[in-house]
Protein backbone atom coordinates (compact mmCIF):
# COMPACT_ATOMS: atom_id res chain seq x y z
CA MET A 1 0.00 0.00 -0.01
CA ARG A 2 2.78 2.41 0.91
CA ASN A 3 4.68 1.59 -2.35
CA ASP A 4 1.55 2.39 -4.35
CA ILE A 5 1.08 5.69 -2.59
CA PHE A 6 4.76 6.59 -3.11
CA LEU A 7 4.63 5.67 -6.82
CA LYS A 8 1.52 7.72 -7.33
CA LYS A 9 3.16 10.67 -5.54
CA ASN A 10 6.26 10.37 -7.77
CA LEU A 11 4.16 10.23 -10.91
CA PHE A 12 2.11 13.25 -9.79
CA CYS A 13 5.33 15.22 -9.02
CA GLN A 14 6.86 14.29 -12.34
CA GLN A 15 3.77 15.34 -14.26
CA THR A 16 3.55 18.61 -12.31
CA ASN A 17 7.21 19.35 -12.95
CA SER A 18 6.77 18.67 -16.66
CA PHE A 19 3.87 21.04 -16.77
CA ILE A 20 5.76 23.81 -14.89
CA ALA A 21 8.80 23.30 -17.12
CA PHE A 22 6.66 23.68 -20.20
CA PHE A 23 5.01 26.82 -18.75
CA TYR A 24 8.33 28.45 -17.81
CA SER A 25 9.83 27.66 -21.21
CA PHE A 26 6.81 29.10 -23.00
CA LEU A 27 6.82 32.18 -20.76
CA ILE A 28 10.53 32.88 -21.41
CA LYS A 29 10.19 32.26 -25.20
CA THR A 30 7.22 34.68 -25.49
CA LEU A 31 8.88 37.57 -23.59
CA PRO A 32 8.81 40.77 -25.60
CA PHE A 33 12.51 41.23 -24.99
CA ARG A 34 15.57 38.99 -24.94
CA PHE A 35 18.05 38.59 -22.16
CA PRO A 36 21.51 37.00 -21.93
CA TYR A 37 21.63 33.16 -22.05
CA GLN A 38 17.87 32.95 -22.68
CA LYS A 39 18.24 29.75 -24.74
CA LYS A 40 20.44 28.20 -22.06
CA TYR A 41 17.89 28.90 -19.38
CA ILE A 42 15.28 27.08 -21.44
CA ALA A 43 17.62 24.13 -21.99
CA GLN A 44 18.33 23.86 -18.25
CA ILE A 45 14.64 24.04 -17.39
CA LYS A 46 13.89 21.14 -19.82
CA LYS A 47 16.67 19.01 -18.23
CA ILE A 48 15.74 19.56 -14.69
CA HIS A 49 15.29 16.52 -12.40
CA PHE A 50 12.40 16.58 -10.03
CA ASN A 51 12.54 15.67 -6.30
CA PRO A 52 9.24 14.43 -4.89
CA HIS A 53 10.20 15.51 -1.42
CA GLU A 54 10.96 19.04 -2.46
CA ASN A 55 8.78 22.01 -3.32
CA LYS A 56 8.13 21.58 -7.05
CA ILE A 57 8.50 25.21 -7.97
CA SER A 58 11.66 25.69 -6.02
CA ASN A 59 13.69 23.73 -8.59
CA PHE A 60 12.85 26.33 -11.23
CA THR A 61 13.34 29.35 -9.04
CA LYS A 62 16.83 28.05 -8.17
CA ILE A 63 17.70 28.02 -11.90
CA LEU A 64 16.29 31.47 -12.55
CA ARG A 65 18.03 32.99 -9.52
CA LYS A 66 21.53 31.54 -9.85
CA PRO A 67 23.85 32.33 -12.83
CA LEU A 68 24.30 29.66 -15.42
CA PHE A 69 28.10 29.98 -15.51
CA LYS A 70 30.69 30.81 -12.88
CA THR A 71 32.37 33.62 -14.75
CA MET A 72 34.90 36.20 -13.79
CA ALA A 73 34.45 39.84 -14.63
CA ARG A 74 36.34 40.87 -17.73
CA PHE A 75 36.83 44.54 -17.09
CA LEU A 76 37.83 44.10 -13.46
CA LYS A 77 39.05 40.90 -11.86
CA ASP A 78 38.03 39.64 -8.42
CA LYS A 79 40.72 40.88 -5.98
CA GLN A 80 39.21 39.40 -2.89
CA LYS A 81 42.31 37.27 -2.36
CA SER A 82 44.60 40.25 -2.10
CA LYS A 83 42.28 42.27 0.08
CA GLY A 84 44.29 43.52 3.11
CA ALA A 85 47.49 41.89 1.94
CA ALA A 86 50.83 43.67 2.40
CA PRO A 87 52.44 45.36 -0.68
CA GLY A 88 54.59 42.88 -2.61
CA SER A 89 52.56 39.87 -1.51
CA LEU A 90 52.72 37.08 -4.16
CA ILE A 91 49.04 36.37 -4.75
CA PHE A 92 47.80 35.17 -8.11
CA ILE A 93 44.72 37.11 -9.27
CA GLY A 94 42.89 35.68 -12.24
CA ARG A 95 41.78 32.36 -13.69
CA PRO A 96 44.42 29.60 -13.96
CA LYS A 97 44.86 28.61 -17.61
CA MET A 98 47.37 25.84 -17.16
CA ASN A 99 47.64 22.97 -14.73
CA TYR A 100 51.36 23.50 -14.21
CA SER A 101 54.00 25.99 -15.41
CA LYS A 102 56.58 25.34 -18.08
CA ILE A 103 60.00 26.90 -18.50
CA ARG A 104 61.70 27.13 -21.87
CA VAL A 105 65.25 28.47 -22.29
CA THR A 106 66.69 29.64 -25.59
CA GLN A 107 70.36 30.57 -25.86
CA TYR A 108 71.63 32.29 -28.97
CA ASN A 109 74.27 34.48 -30.57
CA THR A 110 75.42 35.03 -34.17
CA ASP A 111 77.01 31.58 -34.37
CA TYR A 112 74.56 29.21 -32.73
CA ILE A 113 71.19 28.80 -31.09
CA LYS A 114 69.94 26.01 -28.76
CA GLU A 115 66.76 25.46 -26.80
CA GLY A 116 65.75 23.38 -23.82
CA GLU A 117 63.17 22.97 -21.10
CA LEU A 118 63.60 23.20 -17.32
CA LYS A 119 61.52 21.87 -14.47
CA SER A 120 62.68 24.59 -12.09
CA LEU A 121 64.90 27.65 -11.89
CA ASP A 122 67.46 26.06 -9.52
CA LYS A 123 70.10 25.78 -12.21
CA ILE A 124 69.13 28.80 -14.31
CA SER A 125 72.45 30.60 -13.57
CA GLU A 126 74.26 27.90 -15.65
CA TYR A 127 72.39 29.15 -18.79
CA LEU A 128 73.44 32.79 -18.31
CA SER A 129 76.60 34.00 -19.96
CA ASP A 130 78.19 37.07 -21.51
CA ASN A 131 78.84 35.04 -24.65
CA HIS A 132 75.22 34.67 -25.65
CA ILE A 133 71.74 36.04 -25.01
CA CYS A 134 69.37 33.90 -22.93
CA TRP A 135 65.58 34.07 -23.50
CA ILE A 136 63.71 32.48 -20.59
CA SER A 137 60.05 31.88 -21.40
CA ILE A 138 57.65 30.93 -18.58
CA HIS A 139 54.21 29.64 -19.46
CA GLY A 140 51.67 29.66 -16.66
CA LEU A 141 51.18 32.21 -13.84
CA GLN A 142 49.36 30.12 -11.24
CA ASP A 143 52.61 28.92 -9.58
CA THR A 144 53.46 31.70 -7.11
CA THR A 145 56.38 29.71 -5.70
CA LEU A 146 58.02 29.72 -9.15
CA ILE A 147 57.52 33.51 -9.54
CA GLY A 148 58.95 33.93 -6.06
CA ASN A 149 62.05 31.89 -7.01
CA LEU A 150 62.33 33.97 -10.23
CA GLY A 151 62.53 37.12 -8.13
CA LYS A 152 65.24 35.66 -5.89
CA LYS A 153 67.36 34.41 -8.80
CA PHE A 154 67.27 37.65 -10.71
CA ASN A 155 66.90 40.12 -7.88
CA ILE A 156 63.47 41.39 -9.07
CA ASN A 157 61.52 43.75 -6.83
CA ALA A 158 58.58 42.18 -4.99
CA LEU A 159 56.24 44.87 -6.25
CA ILE A 160 57.06 43.93 -9.77
CA LEU A 161 56.44 40.24 -8.99
CA GLU A 162 53.10 41.26 -7.53
CA ASP A 163 52.19 43.01 -10.81
CA ILE A 164 53.19 39.94 -12.80
CA LEU A 165 50.78 37.79 -10.80
CA ASN A 166 47.87 40.21 -11.15
CA THR A 167 46.37 39.40 -14.56
CA ASP A 168 44.23 42.57 -14.22
CA GLU A 169 47.29 44.81 -14.09
CA ARG A 170 47.26 47.78 -16.43
CA PRO A 171 49.94 47.76 -19.23
CA LYS A 172 52.92 49.64 -17.83
CA PHE A 173 56.66 50.20 -18.14
CA ILE A 174 59.04 50.25 -15.20
CA GLU A 175 62.77 50.96 -15.11
CA ASP A 176 65.21 50.19 -12.26
CA ASP A 177 68.96 49.79 -11.97
CA GLN A 178 69.16 46.20 -13.23
CA HIS A 179 66.01 45.64 -15.25
CA LEU A 180 63.47 47.04 -17.70
CA PHE A 181 59.99 45.71 -17.01
CA ALA A 182 56.89 45.86 -19.24
CA ILE A 183 53.40 44.44 -18.91
CA LEU A 184 51.32 44.07 -22.02
CA LYS A 185 48.20 42.21 -23.16
CA SER A 186 47.89 39.74 -25.99
CA LEU A 187 44.71 40.11 -28.13
CA SER A 188 42.71 37.49 -29.99
CA PHE A 189 39.32 37.81 -31.56
CA ASN A 190 37.32 34.61 -32.21
CA LYS A 191 34.73 34.97 -34.96
CA GLU A 192 32.78 31.92 -33.86
CA THR A 193 32.23 33.03 -30.24
CA ARG A 194 32.43 36.70 -31.22
CA LYS A 195 34.54 37.27 -28.11
CA VAL A 196 37.89 38.94 -27.55
CA GLN A 197 40.35 36.89 -25.54
CA ILE A 198 42.92 38.85 -23.51
CA ASP A 199 45.99 37.33 -21.84
CA GLN A 200 48.70 39.11 -19.86
CA ILE A 201 52.31 39.01 -20.90
CA SER A 202 55.19 40.35 -18.80
CA LEU A 203 58.67 41.10 -20.19
CA ILE A 204 61.81 41.63 -18.09
CA VAL A 205 64.98 42.81 -19.78
CA GLY A 206 68.33 42.32 -18.03
CA LYS A 207 71.97 42.20 -19.00
CA ASN A 208 72.24 39.47 -21.65
CA TYR A 209 68.89 37.91 -20.84
CA LEU A 210 65.20 38.49 -21.40
CA ILE A 211 62.36 36.85 -19.37
CA SER A 212 58.86 36.53 -20.85
CA ILE A 213 55.98 35.34 -18.70
CA GLN A 214 52.53 34.56 -20.07
CA GLU A 215 49.31 33.02 -18.75
CA ASN A 216 49.01 30.06 -21.16
CA GLU A 217 50.90 27.99 -23.67
CA SER A 218 49.84 29.94 -26.81
CA ASP A 219 52.60 30.59 -29.37
CA TYR A 220 52.26 34.41 -29.40
CA PHE A 221 55.94 34.75 -30.35
CA GLU A 222 56.22 31.89 -32.86
CA ASP A 223 57.25 34.35 -35.63
CA VAL A 224 60.02 35.72 -33.47
CA ALA A 225 61.27 32.21 -32.67
CA LYS A 226 61.35 31.40 -36.42
CA ARG A 227 63.39 34.50 -37.11
CA LEU A 228 65.88 33.43 -34.39
CA TYR A 229 66.27 29.98 -35.85
CA ALA A 230 66.55 31.28 -39.40
CA SER A 231 68.95 34.03 -38.28
CA GLN A 232 66.84 36.59 -40.22
CA GLY A 233 67.58 40.22 -39.78
CA LYS A 234 69.52 41.67 -36.90
CA ILE A 235 67.79 39.82 -34.06
CA ARG A 236 70.69 37.49 -33.24
CA SER A 237 73.34 40.17 -33.41
CA LEU A 238 71.75 42.75 -31.19
CA PRO A 239 71.26 42.93 -27.37
CA PRO A 240 68.13 41.60 -25.54
CA ASP A 241 66.47 45.03 -25.75
CA TYR A 242 65.99 44.38 -29.45
CA LEU A 243 64.40 41.02 -28.66
CA CYS A 244 62.11 42.84 -26.33
CA TYR A 245 61.21 45.19 -29.13
CA ALA A 246 60.57 42.27 -31.48
CA LEU A 247 58.21 40.67 -28.97
CA ILE A 248 56.23 43.90 -28.41
CA ASP A 249 56.14 44.47 -32.15
CA THR A 250 54.57 41.04 -32.57
CA LEU A 251 51.90 41.82 -29.97
CA VAL A 252 51.07 45.20 -31.61
CA ASP A 253 50.84 43.57 -35.03
CA SER A 254 48.31 41.08 -33.52
CA TYR A 255 46.37 44.12 -32.20
CA ILE A 256 46.01 45.55 -35.63
CA LEU A 257 45.16 42.19 -37.24
CA ASN A 258 42.49 41.26 -34.72
CA ILE A 259 40.98 44.77 -34.67
CA GLU A 260 40.77 44.42 -38.43
CA LYS A 261 38.91 41.09 -38.04
CA LEU A 262 36.43 42.70 -35.68
CA GLY A 263 36.21 45.72 -38.02
CA ASN A 264 35.25 43.47 -40.96
CA VAL A 265 32.34 42.10 -38.92
CA VAL A 266 31.28 45.62 -37.92
CA GLU A 267 31.38 46.79 -41.57
CA GLU A 268 29.31 43.75 -42.69
CA GLN A 269 26.56 44.82 -40.30
CA GLU A 270 25.95 48.03 -42.24
CA LYS A 271 24.31 45.99 -45.00
CA LEU A 272 21.76 44.64 -42.49
CA LEU A 273 20.66 47.99 -40.97
CA LEU A 274 17.40 48.27 -42.95
CA ALA A 275 16.44 44.56 -42.89
CA SER A 276 17.38 43.14 -39.50
CA GLY A 277 15.34 43.11 -36.26
CA LYS A 278 16.26 43.01 -32.64
CA GLU A 279 19.30 40.77 -33.20
CA LEU A 280 21.11 43.60 -34.96
CA ILE A 281 20.89 46.05 -32.02
CA GLU A 282 22.03 43.19 -29.66
CA ASP A 283 25.04 42.60 -31.92
CA ILE A 284 25.83 46.37 -31.93
CA TYR A 285 25.81 46.52 -28.13
CA HIS A 286 27.89 43.31 -28.08
CA TYR A 287 30.62 44.61 -30.36
CA LYS A 288 30.68 48.00 -28.57
CA THR A 289 31.38 46.10 -25.36
CA GLU A 290 34.14 44.10 -27.07
CA LEU A 291 35.76 47.25 -28.51
CA SER A 292 35.61 48.90 -25.03
CA TYR A 293 37.37 45.84 -23.64
CA ILE A 294 40.05 46.10 -26.34
CA ARG A 295 40.45 49.83 -25.75
CA LYS A 296 40.89 49.27 -22.03
CA ASN A 297 43.86 46.98 -22.64
CA VAL A 298 45.45 48.70 -25.69
CA ARG A 299 45.20 52.40 -24.74
CA PRO A 300 47.77 52.20 -21.92
CA VAL A 301 50.31 50.70 -24.37
CA LYS A 302 50.59 54.16 -25.90
CA GLU A 303 51.85 55.49 -22.59
CA LEU A 304 54.07 52.42 -22.17
CA MET A 305 55.79 53.04 -25.51
CA SER A 306 56.26 56.75 -24.73
CA ARG A 307 58.11 55.90 -21.54
CA PHE A 308 60.10 53.20 -23.33
CA VAL A 309 61.23 55.62 -26.00
CA THR A 310 62.22 58.33 -23.49
CA CYS A 311 64.04 55.85 -21.23
CA ASP A 312 67.80 56.42 -20.93
CA SER A 313 68.70 53.06 -19.44
CA GLU A 314 72.03 51.49 -20.25
CA LEU A 315 70.09 48.30 -21.16
CA ILE A 316 68.80 49.96 -24.32
CA ASN A 317 71.05 50.16 -27.34
CA GLU A 318 71.03 53.47 -29.29
CA ARG A 319 70.07 51.61 -32.51
CA THR A 320 66.94 50.24 -30.83
CA TYR A 321 65.38 53.67 -30.22
CA SER A 322 64.54 54.16 -33.90
CA TYR A 323 62.58 50.84 -33.90
CA LEU A 324 60.79 51.81 -30.72
CA ARG A 325 59.64 55.12 -32.23
CA ASP A 326 58.28 53.23 -35.31
CA LEU A 327 56.44 50.84 -32.97
CA GLU A 328 54.96 53.77 -31.11
CA GLY A 329 53.37 54.89 -34.41
CA LEU A 330 51.79 51.41 -34.86
CA VAL A 331 50.24 51.63 -31.39
CA THR A 332 48.72 54.97 -32.36
CA GLN A 333 47.37 53.40 -35.53
CA ALA A 334 45.70 50.59 -33.54
CA LEU A 335 44.10 53.07 -31.16
CA GLU A 336 42.75 55.16 -34.08
CA ALA A 337 41.22 52.01 -35.64
CA ILE A 338 39.51 51.18 -32.35
CA GLU A 339 38.02 54.70 -32.18
CA ILE A 340 36.89 54.52 -35.82
CA TYR A 341 35.05 51.23 -35.36
CA TYR A 342 33.51 52.38 -32.09
CA THR A 343 32.21 55.53 -33.81
CA MET A 344 30.97 53.39 -36.64
CA LEU A 345 29.00 51.18 -34.22
CA SER A 346 27.58 54.32 -32.60
CA ASP A 347 26.46 55.54 -36.06
CA GLN A 348 24.91 52.12 -36.80
CA GLN A 349 23.00 52.35 -33.50
CA ASN A 350 21.75 55.79 -34.34
CA SER A 351 20.75 54.62 -37.82
CA TYR A 352 18.93 51.61 -36.43
CA ASN A 353 17.04 53.81 -33.92
CA ALA A 354 16.20 56.31 -36.70
CA ASN A 355 14.95 53.51 -38.93
CA ILE A 356 12.73 52.22 -36.15
CA SER A 357 11.41 55.75 -35.59
CA ASN A 358 10.71 56.11 -39.32
CA ASN A 359 8.79 52.80 -39.41
CA VAL A 360 6.70 53.93 -36.38
CA ASN A 361 6.04 57.27 -38.05
CA ASP A 362 4.91 55.45 -41.24
CA VAL A 363 2.48 53.37 -39.27
CA MET A 364 1.16 56.39 -37.37
CA ARG A 365 0.76 58.33 -40.60
CA VAL A 366 -1.41 55.58 -42.13
CA LEU A 367 -3.51 55.29 -38.96
CA THR A 368 -3.90 59.08 -38.79
CA VAL A 369 -5.08 59.21 -42.48
CA PHE A 370 -7.69 56.53 -41.77
CA SER A 371 -8.83 58.44 -38.68
CA ALA A 372 -9.10 61.64 -40.70
CA VAL A 373 -11.20 59.88 -43.36
CA PHE A 374 -13.68 58.57 -40.77
CA ILE A 375 -14.13 61.86 -38.95
CA PRO A 376 -16.66 63.35 -41.47
CA LEU A 377 -18.31 59.97 -41.98
CA THR A 378 -18.78 59.59 -38.26
CA PHE A 379 -20.29 63.08 -38.18
CA LEU A 380 -22.86 62.18 -40.80
CA VAL A 381 -23.73 58.94 -39.20
CA GLY A 382 -24.07 60.69 -35.82
CA VAL A 383 -26.41 63.41 -37.24
CA TYR A 384 -28.81 60.92 -38.85
CA GLY A 385 -28.60 58.60 -35.89
CA MET A 386 -30.15 61.23 -33.50
CA ASN A 387 -33.45 60.30 -31.87
CA PHE A 388 -35.53 63.31 -32.98
CA GLU A 389 -39.12 62.51 -33.99
CA TYR A 390 -38.96 64.51 -37.25
CA ILE A 391 -35.92 64.45 -39.59
CA PRO A 392 -37.07 65.32 -43.14
CA GLU A 393 -34.50 63.28 -44.96
CA LEU A 394 -35.53 60.07 -43.18
CA LYS A 395 -38.88 60.12 -45.00
CA TYR A 396 -37.35 60.26 -48.46
CA HIS A 397 -37.35 56.90 -50.26
CA TYR A 398 -33.76 57.08 -51.58
CA ALA A 399 -32.19 58.85 -48.54
CA TYR A 400 -30.21 55.78 -47.43
CA TYR A 401 -28.55 55.30 -50.81
CA ILE A 402 -27.86 59.03 -51.19
CA LEU A 403 -26.17 59.10 -47.81
CA TRP A 404 -23.99 56.14 -48.76
CA GLY A 405 -23.01 57.89 -51.98
CA ILE A 406 -22.08 61.12 -50.14
CA MET A 407 -19.92 59.16 -47.67
CA VAL A 408 -18.10 57.25 -50.45
CA ILE A 409 -17.48 60.50 -52.38
CA ILE A 410 -16.11 62.17 -49.25
CA ALA A 411 -13.84 59.25 -48.45
CA LEU A 412 -12.50 59.09 -52.04
CA PHE A 413 -11.97 62.85 -52.20
CA MET A 414 -10.03 62.80 -48.92
CA LEU A 415 -7.90 59.86 -50.06
CA LEU A 416 -7.06 61.56 -53.34
CA PHE A 417 -6.25 64.80 -51.49
CA PHE A 418 -3.86 62.92 -49.16
CA LYS A 419 -2.27 61.10 -52.14
CA ARG A 420 -1.72 64.42 -53.87
CA LYS A 421 -0.07 65.84 -50.79
CA LYS A 422 2.10 62.66 -50.66
CA TRP A 423 0.86 61.83 -47.20
CA LEU A 424 0.09 58.29 -48.44
């Protein structure tokens, strides 16, 4: 008997949940506006598992109240971990993008080049020499112990190490007695997801060595590595400051290429201004957000390059300054492109709103014309619909047909008048 009651209760709960799921899905689909992740909410509601011992509606309210994804803010990262910490504390701020860090060491001069990987920095001093330049590339920022050892081995200020571990750090340039330090952002636009991916890259220039630190294992500097192995240009004959310039130049080139990709999408939208619906305005807002995100990370690079060019450190060769000035011009070009496309999106938004207003005005004009046509007709009908005992025209045999003829003539006359005035 108990089992039968329990089975019936389960069946009732399952049917009730199915009905509520259908109702919620229908309600969300028929909303007059769209909201982020609307389709994903519907998908989660359909997949929900019922609990016969739990309030049936609570399952759905939990979905609608909690976010679908545990995401981290893009414009500002969560700094709860570093709250109240002393300056120079080694605390990683951001989302880990690798399970463990990797260290790659490249030694080169005009005669040879060799590369290897290390598990730790314990023997890094063996790779440093005045006879060659050493490029130490670290992939992965989540290992604070590794970054701490890096600071000890190369005598790097703790405040600089703190900036390296903060993936929300603003692009900057710092000079001290032994090093040149630069923080930049890599930029990648994915056409499929329509999202801009930003990763932090730190560069430290010392005597006969350069250290690059990045969040993941992406080959941002693959082209530079190819030039090193092919011994193309001056890269193997100049000091590490030129290698630093080459790495920054690669990043700035990627800025321009990815901004161009995003710009092509923005320009394609212009063809859809007169034909698209709500999706277009959503896309405009989306791409404006992406451009704002790019601008936040690229604009400080202009200041970084200005300080780099005016730096009088002994670590910078005189021949490198001319290349840095040229690179400063490329950064300006990237910033101008961002502003152009942002203005273009604002113009598209204004054009879309103007088009919507014009459509509304067209509808209102037609409705107004019909209202104007029916005003005199309503007057005539109202006069002959009064309840007086004696109205002479009502006794006439053809009065009804004459009234209809007058009303049709008035309507046609008004329509022709409106047409001549081009109000129709």
